[in-house]
Amino acid sequence: MTTWVYLDETKRSGYVIAAASVTDPVAARRAVRSLILPGQRRVHMVRERQARKRQIIDAVCALAVTTTIYDAGHHHPSELAARAACLRALLADLKEGDTSLTIEQDDGLVRHDNRWLIEATRAAGQRDPLRYEHQRASAEPLLAIPDIAAWAWTKGGEWRRRVEPIIAAVRTV
């Protein structure tokens, strides 16, 4: 059985990567697409009104999704080092087997991600090759899920409480 994992980051409060595991990507993709308003290319929390943010979080929490937060905080020498630490922790957490990893594409980080993912896979002694790809959020609607989780988690307060139903774990790295 394939595990589908979608990654996004936020630098709002330190460096945080959210990794959302989706049980049924077809149904989840349909649900996320239904949240995209006319004129929007994707769901992105920064651009939404408060009431709409609540509606979006509630809809995502109704999906068969679990999310792990990888919090690198401010204790790494750079954002690149924080990202590498988050990706290493994620790979250590992934179960051996059929995993499909989709990372929100940042053109300046793709080369680094490729190197770190290869190194971390080898270090973890994983026998099965990791399938991963970088996608733009406008091309893969399910990248909205980790965006929503990371945004709400780092925002704190009401937003964190609202997203807690899909937060399976928080890892400090």
Protein backbone atom coordinates (compact mmCIF):
# COMPACT_ATOMS: atom_id res chain seq x y z
CA MET A 1 0.00 0.00 0.00
CA THR A 2 1.39 3.38 -1.00
CA THR A 3 1.84 6.16 1.53
CA TRP A 4 1.40 9.61 -0.03
CA VAL A 5 3.21 12.39 1.82
CA TYR A 6 3.08 16.09 0.92
CA LEU A 7 5.57 18.66 2.30
CA ASP A 8 5.52 22.39 2.72
CA GLU A 9 7.48 24.78 4.88
CA THR A 10 7.01 28.02 6.73
CA LYS A 11 9.66 30.39 8.01
CA ARG A 12 7.17 32.43 10.00
CA SER A 13 8.29 31.33 13.45
CA GLY A 14 11.62 29.65 13.00
CA TYR A 15 11.78 26.95 10.37
CA VAL A 16 8.95 24.42 10.22
CA ILE A 17 8.14 21.70 7.70
CA ALA A 18 4.73 20.03 7.75
CA ALA A 19 4.47 16.54 6.28
CA ALA A 20 0.89 15.52 5.53
CA SER A 21 0.15 11.83 4.96
CA VAL A 22 -2.95 11.36 2.85
CA THR A 23 -4.84 8.06 2.85
CA ASP A 24 -6.98 8.70 -0.22
CA PRO A 25 -5.35 11.29 -2.49
CA VAL A 26 -8.15 11.19 -5.07
CA ALA A 27 -10.85 12.12 -2.56
CA ALA A 28 -8.59 14.61 -0.76
CA ARG A 29 -7.61 16.29 -4.04
CA ARG A 30 -11.29 16.63 -4.97
CA ALA A 31 -12.05 18.17 -1.55
CA VAL A 32 -9.15 20.63 -1.74
CA ARG A 33 -10.04 21.63 -5.31
CA SER A 34 -13.57 22.42 -4.10
CA LEU A 35 -12.02 25.01 -1.74
CA ILE A 36 -10.40 26.95 -4.59
CA LEU A 37 -12.48 30.02 -5.37
CA PRO A 38 -13.02 31.42 -8.87
CA GLY A 39 -9.93 33.39 -9.85
CA GLN A 40 -7.66 31.51 -7.44
CA ARG A 41 -4.95 29.14 -8.65
CA ARG A 42 -4.68 27.42 -5.27
CA VAL A 43 -5.60 27.58 -1.60
CA HIS A 44 -3.03 29.58 0.37
CA MET A 45 -3.74 30.66 3.93
CA VAL A 46 -1.85 33.95 3.81
CA ARG A 47 -4.29 35.37 1.27
CA GLU A 48 -7.55 34.34 2.93
CA ARG A 49 -10.01 36.18 5.20
CA GLN A 50 -10.45 34.95 8.80
CA ALA A 51 -13.84 33.27 8.24
CA ARG A 52 -12.53 31.55 5.13
CA LYS A 53 -9.44 30.34 7.01
CA ARG A 54 -11.74 28.69 9.54
CA GLN A 55 -13.77 27.07 6.74
CA ILE A 56 -10.60 25.77 5.03
CA ILE A 57 -9.13 24.31 8.23
CA ASP A 58 -12.43 22.64 9.12
CA ALA A 59 -12.64 21.08 5.64
CA VAL A 60 -9.07 19.76 5.82
CA CYS A 61 -9.62 18.35 9.32
CA ALA A 62 -12.54 16.35 7.92
CA LEU A 63 -10.19 14.52 5.52
CA ALA A 64 -8.33 11.26 6.16
CA VAL A 65 -5.05 13.09 6.79
CA THR A 66 -2.37 13.04 9.47
CA THR A 67 0.40 15.60 9.69
CA THR A 68 3.77 15.63 11.40
CA ILE A 69 5.32 18.97 12.21
CA TYR A 70 9.13 19.12 12.00
CA ASP A 71 10.17 22.19 13.98
CA ALA A 72 13.76 23.31 13.50
CA GLY A 73 13.16 26.50 15.44
CA HIS A 74 15.95 29.07 15.34
CA HIS A 75 18.78 26.81 16.53
CA HIS A 76 20.37 25.97 13.17
CA PRO A 77 23.03 28.13 11.54
CA SER A 78 20.95 28.72 8.40
CA GLU A 79 17.63 27.95 6.76
CA LEU A 80 19.41 25.40 4.58
CA ALA A 81 20.71 23.59 7.66
CA ALA A 82 17.26 23.71 9.25
CA ARG A 83 15.66 22.30 6.10
CA ALA A 84 18.23 19.51 5.90
CA ALA A 85 17.58 18.59 9.55
CA CYS A 86 13.82 18.48 8.91
CA LEU A 87 14.21 16.29 5.83
CA ARG A 88 16.56 13.89 7.65
CA ALA A 89 14.06 13.57 10.51
CA LEU A 90 11.21 12.99 8.05
CA LEU A 91 13.09 10.20 6.27
CA ALA A 92 13.97 8.58 9.58
CA ASP A 93 10.24 8.56 10.42
CA LEU A 94 9.04 7.13 7.11
CA LYS A 95 8.29 3.45 7.16
CA GLU A 96 10.22 1.24 4.78
CA GLY A 97 8.03 0.53 1.80
CA ASP A 98 6.13 2.25 -0.94
CA THR A 99 6.18 5.98 -0.20
CA SER A 100 5.48 8.80 -2.61
CA LEU A 101 6.81 12.13 -1.39
CA THR A 102 5.75 15.42 -3.01
CA ILE A 103 7.61 18.57 -1.97
CA GLU A 104 6.45 22.08 -2.76
CA GLN A 105 8.89 23.31 -5.35
CA ASP A 106 11.27 26.11 -4.52
CA ASP A 107 13.64 26.35 -7.47
CA GLY A 108 16.52 27.50 -5.26
CA LEU A 109 16.21 24.40 -3.05
CA VAL A 110 15.62 21.53 -5.49
CA ARG A 111 19.34 20.74 -5.90
CA HIS A 112 19.88 20.81 -2.12
CA ASP A 113 16.79 18.66 -1.49
CA ASN A 114 17.98 16.07 -4.00
CA ARG A 115 21.35 15.80 -2.27
CA TRP A 116 19.89 15.66 1.26
CA LEU A 117 17.25 13.09 0.36
CA ILE A 118 19.84 10.78 -1.21
CA GLU A 119 22.17 11.17 1.78
CA ALA A 120 19.40 10.65 4.33
CA THR A 121 18.03 7.60 2.50
CA ARG A 122 21.49 6.01 2.54
CA ALA A 123 22.07 6.94 6.20
CA ALA A 124 18.73 5.39 7.18
CA GLY A 125 19.76 2.20 5.39
CA GLN A 126 16.55 2.14 3.38
CA ARG A 127 16.56 -0.66 0.84
CA ASP A 128 13.66 0.62 -1.23
CA PRO A 129 14.38 3.76 -3.24
CA LEU A 130 12.38 6.78 -2.16
CA ARG A 131 10.03 8.13 -4.81
CA TYR A 132 9.85 11.88 -4.59
CA GLU A 133 9.12 14.87 -6.77
CA HIS A 134 8.99 18.61 -6.51
CA GLN A 135 5.72 20.22 -7.63
CA ARG A 136 4.34 23.72 -7.66
CA ALA A 137 1.39 24.19 -5.33
CA SER A 138 -0.74 25.37 -8.23
CA ALA A 139 -0.13 22.03 -9.99
CA GLU A 140 -0.72 19.76 -6.95
CA PRO A 141 -3.70 20.81 -4.81
CA LEU A 142 -2.70 18.46 -1.96
CA LEU A 143 0.28 20.70 -1.19
CA ALA A 144 -2.33 23.01 0.36
CA ILE A 145 -2.71 20.56 3.26
CA PRO A 146 0.80 20.94 4.71
CA ASP A 147 0.62 24.67 3.96
CA ILE A 148 -2.54 24.92 6.04
CA ALA A 149 -1.12 22.79 8.86
CA ALA A 150 2.21 24.67 9.01
CA TRP A 151 0.50 28.06 8.85
CA ALA A 152 -2.01 27.26 11.60
CA TRP A 153 0.57 25.55 13.82
CA THR A 154 3.01 28.46 13.75
CA LYS A 155 0.23 31.02 14.07
CA GLY A 156 -0.73 29.45 17.42
CA GLY A 157 -3.80 30.15 19.54
CA GLU A 158 -7.18 29.44 17.94
CA TRP A 159 -5.52 28.40 14.66
CA ARG A 160 -3.36 25.76 16.30
CA ARG A 161 -6.34 24.41 18.24
CA ARG A 162 -8.37 24.17 15.03
CA VAL A 163 -5.69 22.18 13.16
CA GLU A 164 -4.78 19.87 16.08
CA PRO A 165 -7.12 17.07 14.92
CA ILE A 166 -4.81 16.33 12.00
CA ILE A 167 -1.51 16.82 13.87
CA ALA A 168 -0.18 13.34 14.69
CA ALA A 169 3.20 14.42 16.05
CA VAL A 170 5.50 17.38 16.55
CA ARG A 171 9.20 16.71 16.23
CA THR A 172 11.82 19.21 17.33
CA VAL A 173 14.90 18.82 15.14
